[in-house]
């Protein structure tokens, strides 16, 4: 079991078949090569407080990648298509109740994409793509 949510997310995405054997970083993405990063996003954490002291919370994060990029339309379609498939995979995981193993006292409720995947920045030979995601969980009071 992970000590932190970000550690749990990294371990979870290491099991994602779409990412293959690519490296998954946290808050770091190299200039080139095919790698992924899970980056935290600022947000209001508590969604709802319950009288028993429990809270329903959200953890926002972004999955980013650096990919080959250029005038080859098929390459760019594949890059964008990956994020469509990743959003569908997250939905399947929520429906199957297959969640990250969160630290004690935290019970995951859903994990989802909150945006479509999109090209964030582009250079002459590589592009950075990302998708915004959210984990909703119950924190025991």
C-alpha atoms as a PDB file:
ATOM      1  CA  UNK A   1       0.000   0.000   0.000  1.00  0.00           C
ATOM      2  CA  UNK A   2       1.254   3.454  -0.889  1.00  0.00           C
ATOM      3  CA  UNK A   3       2.142   6.150   1.637  1.00  0.00           C
ATOM      4  CA  UNK A   4       0.850   8.995  -0.555  1.00  0.00           C
ATOM      5  CA  UNK A   5      -1.790   9.493  -3.219  1.00  0.00           C
ATOM      6  CA  UNK A   6       0.773  10.419  -5.875  1.00  0.00           C
ATOM      7  CA  UNK A   7       2.709   7.219  -5.153  1.00  0.00           C
ATOM      8  CA  UNK A   8      -0.530   5.215  -5.413  1.00  0.00           C
ATOM      9  CA  UNK A   9      -1.330   6.850  -8.747  1.00  0.00           C
ATOM     10  CA  UNK A  10       2.129   6.108 -10.150  1.00  0.00           C
ATOM     11  CA  UNK A  11       1.867   2.461  -9.099  1.00  0.00           C
ATOM     12  CA  UNK A  12      -1.637   2.310 -10.596  1.00  0.00           C
ATOM     13  CA  UNK A  13      -0.614   3.703 -13.973  1.00  0.00           C
ATOM     14  CA  UNK A  14       2.343   1.311 -14.111  1.00  0.00           C
ATOM     15  CA  UNK A  15      -0.358  -1.376 -14.531  1.00  0.00           C
ATOM     16  CA  UNK A  16      -2.070   0.440 -17.433  1.00  0.00           C
ATOM     17  CA  UNK A  17      -1.608  -1.682 -20.568  1.00  0.00           C
ATOM     18  CA  UNK A  18      -1.711   1.421 -22.792  1.00  0.00           C
ATOM     19  CA  UNK A  19       1.523   2.764 -21.324  1.00  0.00           C
ATOM     20  CA  UNK A  20       3.444  -0.420 -22.024  1.00  0.00           C
ATOM     21  CA  UNK A  21       6.940  -0.369 -20.555  1.00  0.00           C
ATOM     22  CA  UNK A  22       7.380   3.389 -20.894  1.00  0.00           C
ATOM     23  CA  UNK A  23       8.829   5.272 -17.949  1.00  0.00           C
ATOM     24  CA  UNK A  24       6.295   7.031 -15.704  1.00  0.00           C
ATOM     25  CA  UNK A  25       7.688  10.044 -13.859  1.00  0.00           C
ATOM     26  CA  UNK A  26       6.184  12.394 -11.284  1.00  0.00           C
ATOM     27  CA  UNK A  27       6.328  16.136 -12.050  1.00  0.00           C
ATOM     28  CA  UNK A  28       9.032  15.586 -14.678  1.00  0.00           C
ATOM     29  CA  UNK A  29       8.986  15.128 -18.439  1.00  0.00           C
ATOM     30  CA  UNK A  30      12.175  14.990 -20.542  1.00  0.00           C
ATOM     31  CA  UNK A  31      12.685  16.916 -23.765  1.00  0.00           C
ATOM     32  CA  UNK A  32      12.413  13.842 -25.993  1.00  0.00           C
ATOM     33  CA  UNK A  33      11.793  10.126 -25.955  1.00  0.00           C
ATOM     34  CA  UNK A  34       8.441   8.567 -25.122  1.00  0.00           C
ATOM     35  CA  UNK A  35       7.816   8.969 -21.402  1.00  0.00           C
ATOM     36  CA  UNK A  36       4.897   9.929 -19.181  1.00  0.00           C
ATOM     37  CA  UNK A  37       4.513  12.112 -16.135  1.00  0.00           C
ATOM     38  CA  UNK A  38       1.845  12.398 -13.463  1.00  0.00           C
ATOM     39  CA  UNK A  39       1.677  16.017 -12.335  1.00  0.00           C
ATOM     40  CA  UNK A  40      -0.395  17.366  -9.480  1.00  0.00           C
ATOM     41  CA  UNK A  41      -2.826  20.196 -10.144  1.00  0.00           C
ATOM     42  CA  UNK A  42      -3.959  22.791  -7.600  1.00  0.00           C
ATOM     43  CA  UNK A  43      -7.610  22.481  -6.612  1.00  0.00           C
ATOM     44  CA  UNK A  44      -9.978  22.635  -3.686  1.00  0.00           C
ATOM     45  CA  UNK A  45      -9.466  19.283  -2.051  1.00  0.00           C
ATOM     46  CA  UNK A  46     -12.599  18.855   0.088  1.00  0.00           C
ATOM     47  CA  UNK A  47     -15.836  18.466  -1.854  1.00  0.00           C
ATOM     48  CA  UNK A  48     -18.149  17.667   1.061  1.00  0.00           C
ATOM     49  CA  UNK A  49     -17.932  17.374   4.852  1.00  0.00           C
ATOM     50  CA  UNK A  50     -20.033  14.862   6.740  1.00  0.00           C
ATOM     51  CA  UNK A  51     -21.230  15.201  10.338  1.00  0.00           C
ATOM     52  CA  UNK A  52     -19.263  12.105  11.392  1.00  0.00           C
ATOM     53  CA  UNK A  53     -16.001  13.828  10.383  1.00  0.00           C
ATOM     54  CA  UNK A  54     -15.550  12.011   7.066  1.00  0.00           C
ATOM     55  CA  UNK A  55     -14.857  14.115   3.979  1.00  0.00           C
ATOM     56  CA  UNK A  56     -15.367  13.469   0.293  1.00  0.00           C
ATOM     57  CA  UNK A  57     -12.277  14.738  -1.527  1.00  0.00           C
ATOM     58  CA  UNK A  58     -10.818  15.154  -4.972  1.00  0.00           C
ATOM     59  CA  UNK A  59      -7.234  14.878  -6.158  1.00  0.00           C
ATOM     60  CA  UNK A  60      -6.648  16.556  -9.499  1.00  0.00           C
ATOM     61  CA  UNK A  61      -3.749  15.530 -11.670  1.00  0.00           C
ATOM     62  CA  UNK A  62      -2.531  15.624 -15.252  1.00  0.00           C
ATOM     63  CA  UNK A  63      -1.059  12.773 -17.273  1.00  0.00           C
ATOM     64  CA  UNK A  64       1.476  14.205 -19.715  1.00  0.00           C
ATOM     65  CA  UNK A  65       3.664  12.650 -22.357  1.00  0.00           C
ATOM     66  CA  UNK A  66       6.357  13.665 -24.771  1.00  0.00           C
ATOM     67  CA  UNK A  67       5.899  12.075 -28.198  1.00  0.00           C
ATOM     68  CA  UNK A  68       7.301  12.226 -31.698  1.00  0.00           C
ATOM     69  CA  UNK A  69       5.511  15.053 -33.481  1.00  0.00           C
ATOM     70  CA  UNK A  70       5.600  16.770 -36.844  1.00  0.00           C
ATOM     71  CA  UNK A  71       3.883  16.895 -40.227  1.00  0.00           C
ATOM     72  CA  UNK A  72       3.104  13.144 -40.221  1.00  0.00           C
ATOM     73  CA  UNK A  73      -0.652  13.104 -39.668  1.00  0.00           C
ATOM     74  CA  UNK A  74      -0.680   9.408 -38.710  1.00  0.00           C
ATOM     75  CA  UNK A  75       1.801  10.005 -35.885  1.00  0.00           C
ATOM     76  CA  UNK A  76      -0.239  12.908 -34.542  1.00  0.00           C
ATOM     77  CA  UNK A  77      -3.476  10.892 -34.790  1.00  0.00           C
ATOM     78  CA  UNK A  78      -1.805   8.094 -32.805  1.00  0.00           C
ATOM     79  CA  UNK A  79      -0.680  10.581 -30.147  1.00  0.00           C
ATOM     80  CA  UNK A  80      -4.183  11.999 -29.711  1.00  0.00           C
ATOM     81  CA  UNK A  81      -5.767   8.557 -29.994  1.00  0.00           C
ATOM     82  CA  UNK A  82      -3.750   7.337 -27.023  1.00  0.00           C
ATOM     83  CA  UNK A  83      -5.497   9.867 -24.800  1.00  0.00           C
ATOM     84  CA  UNK A  84      -8.943   8.843 -26.071  1.00  0.00           C
ATOM     85  CA  UNK A  85      -8.066   5.275 -25.136  1.00  0.00           C
ATOM     86  CA  UNK A  86      -6.695   6.360 -21.751  1.00  0.00           C
ATOM     87  CA  UNK A  87      -9.950   8.198 -20.925  1.00  0.00           C
ATOM     88  CA  UNK A  88     -11.926   5.069 -21.870  1.00  0.00           C
ATOM     89  CA  UNK A  89      -9.589   2.899 -19.745  1.00  0.00           C
ATOM     90  CA  UNK A  90     -10.170   5.147 -16.706  1.00  0.00           C
ATOM     91  CA  UNK A  91     -13.934   4.894 -17.187  1.00  0.00           C
ATOM     92  CA  UNK A  92     -13.659   1.099 -17.418  1.00  0.00           C
ATOM     93  CA  UNK A  93     -11.606   1.023 -14.219  1.00  0.00           C
ATOM     94  CA  UNK A  94     -14.225   3.060 -12.349  1.00  0.00           C
ATOM     95  CA  UNK A  95     -17.025   0.818 -13.632  1.00  0.00           C
ATOM     96  CA  UNK A  96     -15.052  -2.263 -12.511  1.00  0.00           C
ATOM     97  CA  UNK A  97     -14.164  -0.564  -9.193  1.00  0.00           C
ATOM     98  CA  UNK A  98     -10.472  -1.144  -9.913  1.00  0.00           C
ATOM     99  CA  UNK A  99      -8.795   1.771  -8.163  1.00  0.00           C
ATOM    100  CA  UNK A 100      -5.371   2.817  -6.933  1.00  0.00           C
ATOM    101  CA  UNK A 101      -4.436   1.385  -3.527  1.00  0.00           C
ATOM    102  CA  UNK A 102      -4.640   4.565  -1.450  1.00  0.00           C
ATOM    103  CA  UNK A 103      -3.084   5.123   1.980  1.00  0.00           C
ATOM    104  CA  UNK A 104      -5.016   3.903   5.045  1.00  0.00           C
ATOM    105  CA  UNK A 105      -8.197   5.849   5.827  1.00  0.00           C
ATOM    106  CA  UNK A 106      -8.835   6.725   2.168  1.00  0.00           C
ATOM    107  CA  UNK A 107     -11.422   4.871   0.070  1.00  0.00           C
ATOM    108  CA  UNK A 108     -11.411   5.583  -3.684  1.00  0.00           C
ATOM    109  CA  UNK A 109     -14.783   6.174  -5.338  1.00  0.00           C
ATOM    110  CA  UNK A 110     -13.898   7.053  -8.934  1.00  0.00           C
ATOM    111  CA  UNK A 111     -11.056   7.953 -11.267  1.00  0.00           C
ATOM    112  CA  UNK A 112     -11.813   9.833 -14.459  1.00  0.00           C
ATOM    113  CA  UNK A 113     -10.571  12.010 -17.263  1.00  0.00           C
ATOM    114  CA  UNK A 114     -11.892  15.543 -16.995  1.00  0.00           C
ATOM    115  CA  UNK A 115     -10.803  16.703 -20.421  1.00  0.00           C
ATOM    116  CA  UNK A 116      -9.931  15.249 -23.751  1.00  0.00           C
ATOM    117  CA  UNK A 117      -6.251  14.709 -24.374  1.00  0.00           C
ATOM    118  CA  UNK A 118      -4.678  17.619 -26.227  1.00  0.00           C
ATOM    119  CA  UNK A 119      -1.419  18.948 -27.593  1.00  0.00           C
ATOM    120  CA  UNK A 120      -0.074  21.272 -24.923  1.00  0.00           C
ATOM    121  CA  UNK A 121       3.157  22.444 -26.553  1.00  0.00           C
ATOM    122  CA  UNK A 122       4.943  21.528 -29.756  1.00  0.00           C
ATOM    123  CA  UNK A 123       8.528  21.694 -30.900  1.00  0.00           C
ATOM    124  CA  UNK A 124       9.980  20.858 -34.298  1.00  0.00           C
ATOM    125  CA  UNK A 125      10.230  17.107 -33.599  1.00  0.00           C
ATOM    126  CA  UNK A 126       8.368  16.449 -30.362  1.00  0.00           C
ATOM    127  CA  UNK A 127       5.037  17.367 -28.858  1.00  0.00           C
ATOM    128  CA  UNK A 128       3.808  17.396 -25.282  1.00  0.00           C
ATOM    129  CA  UNK A 129       0.323  16.051 -24.831  1.00  0.00           C
ATOM    130  CA  UNK A 130      -1.768  15.960 -21.687  1.00  0.00           C
ATOM    131  CA  UNK A 131      -5.110  15.024 -20.200  1.00  0.00           C
ATOM    132  CA  UNK A 132      -6.623  16.356 -16.979  1.00  0.00           C
ATOM    133  CA  UNK A 133      -7.857  13.727 -14.518  1.00  0.00           C
ATOM    134  CA  UNK A 134      -9.496  13.438 -11.130  1.00  0.00           C
ATOM    135  CA  UNK A 135      -9.564  10.894  -8.330  1.00  0.00           C
ATOM    136  CA  UNK A 136     -12.497  11.127  -5.913  1.00  0.00           C
ATOM    137  CA  UNK A 137     -12.153   9.432  -2.539  1.00  0.00           C
ATOM    138  CA  UNK A 138     -13.647   9.288   0.938  1.00  0.00           C
ATOM    139  CA  UNK A 139     -11.318  10.261   3.773  1.00  0.00           C
ATOM    140  CA  UNK A 140     -12.309   8.779   7.105  1.00  0.00           C
ATOM    141  CA  UNK A 141     -12.594  11.367   9.881  1.00  0.00           C
END
